[in-house]
Amino acid sequence: MSIWRVLLAIFFPPLAVIGKGCGSIVIVFLLTLCGWVPGVIAALVILNNPDN
């Protein structure tokens, strides 16, 4: 996980997970609509997942 992805996850979470698949983008986008903090947390968790 690069520093640029982390910064992107903080400022615009859906754009940070664009390489992780359509489902991840939709989930992070919906959580970002609910609130900025849940979107950022979800993006960081998805980016930190070693399986993908």
N, C-alpha and C. Protein backbone atom coordinates (compact mmCIF):
# COMPACT_ATOMS: atom_id res chain seq x y z
N MET A 1 0.86 -1.17 0.00
CA MET A 1 0.00 0.00 0.00
C MET A 1 0.90 1.23 0.00
N SER A 2 0.78 2.02 -1.03
CA SER A 2 1.63 3.19 -1.16
C SER A 2 1.01 4.40 -0.45
N ILE A 3 1.84 5.37 -0.22
CA ILE A 3 1.40 6.59 0.46
C ILE A 3 0.37 7.33 -0.39
N TRP A 4 0.48 7.22 -1.71
CA TRP A 4 -0.47 7.90 -2.59
C TRP A 4 -1.85 7.28 -2.49
N ARG A 5 -1.91 5.96 -2.36
CA ARG A 5 -3.21 5.30 -2.19
C ARG A 5 -3.84 5.68 -0.86
N VAL A 6 -3.03 5.80 0.17
CA VAL A 6 -3.55 6.19 1.49
C VAL A 6 -4.11 7.61 1.43
N LEU A 7 -3.37 8.51 0.82
CA LEU A 7 -3.85 9.89 0.70
C LEU A 7 -5.12 9.95 -0.15
N LEU A 8 -5.16 9.17 -1.21
CA LEU A 8 -6.35 9.13 -2.05
C LEU A 8 -7.53 8.54 -1.28
N ALA A 9 -7.26 7.54 -0.44
CA ALA A 9 -8.32 6.95 0.38
C ALA A 9 -8.86 7.95 1.39
N ILE A 10 -8.04 8.85 1.85
CA ILE A 10 -8.49 9.84 2.82
C ILE A 10 -9.31 10.94 2.13
N PHE A 11 -8.89 11.38 0.95
CA PHE A 11 -9.57 12.49 0.30
C PHE A 11 -10.73 12.07 -0.60
N PHE A 12 -10.61 10.94 -1.29
CA PHE A 12 -11.69 10.44 -2.15
C PHE A 12 -11.65 8.92 -2.15
N PRO A 13 -12.29 8.30 -1.16
CA PRO A 13 -12.18 6.85 -0.96
C PRO A 13 -12.54 5.97 -2.16
N PRO A 14 -13.62 6.24 -2.91
CA PRO A 14 -13.92 5.33 -4.02
C PRO A 14 -12.84 5.27 -5.10
N LEU A 15 -12.15 6.36 -5.31
CA LEU A 15 -11.10 6.39 -6.32
C LEU A 15 -9.88 5.57 -5.88
N ALA A 16 -9.67 5.44 -4.59
CA ALA A 16 -8.52 4.70 -4.09
C ALA A 16 -8.65 3.20 -4.32
N VAL A 17 -9.87 2.69 -4.34
CA VAL A 17 -10.07 1.24 -4.49
C VAL A 17 -10.47 0.86 -5.91
N ILE A 18 -10.18 1.70 -6.86
CA ILE A 18 -10.63 1.46 -8.24
C ILE A 18 -9.99 0.21 -8.84
N GLY A 19 -8.84 -0.19 -8.37
CA GLY A 19 -8.19 -1.39 -8.90
C GLY A 19 -8.60 -2.66 -8.20
N LYS A 20 -9.47 -2.59 -7.22
CA LYS A 20 -9.86 -3.76 -6.43
C LYS A 20 -11.15 -4.40 -6.89
N GLY A 21 -11.80 -3.88 -7.88
CA GLY A 21 -13.01 -4.49 -8.40
C GLY A 21 -14.23 -3.61 -8.22
N CYS A 22 -15.27 -3.95 -8.97
CA CYS A 22 -16.49 -3.14 -9.00
C CYS A 22 -17.23 -3.18 -7.66
N GLY A 23 -17.25 -4.35 -7.02
CA GLY A 23 -17.95 -4.47 -5.75
C GLY A 23 -17.35 -3.59 -4.67
N SER A 24 -16.04 -3.52 -4.64
CA SER A 24 -15.36 -2.67 -3.66
C SER A 24 -15.66 -1.20 -3.89
N ILE A 25 -15.70 -0.81 -5.15
CA ILE A 25 -15.99 0.59 -5.47
C ILE A 25 -17.40 0.94 -5.02
N VAL A 26 -18.35 0.07 -5.28
CA VAL A 26 -19.74 0.33 -4.91
C VAL A 26 -19.91 0.41 -3.40
N ILE A 27 -19.30 -0.53 -2.69
CA ILE A 27 -19.40 -0.53 -1.23
C ILE A 27 -18.80 0.73 -0.63
N VAL A 28 -17.61 1.09 -1.08
CA VAL A 28 -16.96 2.28 -0.55
C VAL A 28 -17.73 3.54 -0.93
N PHE A 29 -18.28 3.57 -2.14
CA PHE A 29 -19.06 4.73 -2.56
C PHE A 29 -20.30 4.89 -1.70
N LEU A 30 -21.01 3.81 -1.44
CA LEU A 30 -22.22 3.88 -0.60
C LEU A 30 -21.88 4.28 0.83
N LEU A 31 -20.79 3.75 1.37
CA LEU A 31 -20.38 4.14 2.71
C LEU A 31 -19.93 5.60 2.76
N THR A 32 -19.33 6.08 1.69
CA THR A 32 -18.93 7.48 1.63
C THR A 32 -20.15 8.39 1.57
N LEU A 33 -21.20 7.94 0.90
CA LEU A 33 -22.44 8.72 0.87
C LEU A 33 -23.07 8.79 2.26
N CYS A 34 -22.94 7.71 3.02
CA CYS A 34 -23.48 7.70 4.39
C CYS A 34 -22.68 8.61 5.32
N GLY A 35 -21.43 8.72 5.05
CA GLY A 35 -20.55 9.55 5.87
C GLY A 35 -19.13 9.39 5.39
N TRP A 36 -18.35 10.41 5.56
CA TRP A 36 -16.99 10.38 5.05
C TRP A 36 -16.12 9.37 5.80
N VAL A 37 -16.26 9.31 7.11
CA VAL A 37 -15.42 8.44 7.93
C VAL A 37 -15.63 6.96 7.61
N PRO A 38 -16.87 6.46 7.49
CA PRO A 38 -17.02 5.04 7.12
C PRO A 38 -16.43 4.71 5.75
N GLY A 39 -16.51 5.63 4.82
CA GLY A 39 -15.91 5.41 3.51
C GLY A 39 -14.40 5.32 3.57
N VAL A 40 -13.79 6.18 4.36
CA VAL A 40 -12.34 6.16 4.51
C VAL A 40 -11.89 4.87 5.20
N ILE A 41 -12.59 4.47 6.24
CA ILE A 41 -12.24 3.25 6.96
C ILE A 41 -12.37 2.04 6.04
N ALA A 42 -13.45 1.96 5.29
CA ALA A 42 -13.64 0.83 4.37
C ALA A 42 -12.56 0.81 3.29
N ALA A 43 -12.21 1.96 2.76
CA ALA A 43 -11.17 2.02 1.73
C ALA A 43 -9.83 1.57 2.28
N LEU A 44 -9.49 2.00 3.49
CA LEU A 44 -8.22 1.59 4.08
C LEU A 44 -8.20 0.11 4.39
N VAL A 45 -9.33 -0.44 4.83
CA VAL A 45 -9.40 -1.88 5.10
C VAL A 45 -9.24 -2.67 3.81
N ILE A 46 -9.91 -2.24 2.75
CA ILE A 46 -9.80 -2.93 1.46
C ILE A 46 -8.39 -2.82 0.90
N LEU A 47 -7.77 -1.68 1.03
CA LEU A 47 -6.41 -1.52 0.53
C LEU A 47 -5.40 -2.31 1.34
N ASN A 48 -5.68 -2.52 2.61
CA ASN A 48 -4.77 -3.23 3.49
C ASN A 48 -4.96 -4.75 3.46
N ASN A 49 -5.97 -5.23 2.74
CA ASN A 49 -6.26 -6.65 2.66
C ASN A 49 -5.18 -7.35 1.83
N PRO A 50 -4.44 -8.29 2.42
CA PRO A 50 -3.35 -8.94 1.67
C PRO A 50 -3.83 -9.95 0.64
N ASP A 51 -5.09 -10.36 0.67
CA ASP A 51 -5.59 -11.36 -0.26
C ASP A 51 -5.76 -10.83 -1.67
N ASN A 52 -5.96 -9.54 -1.81
CA ASN A 52 -6.18 -8.96 -3.15
C ASN A 52 -4.94 -8.32 -3.66
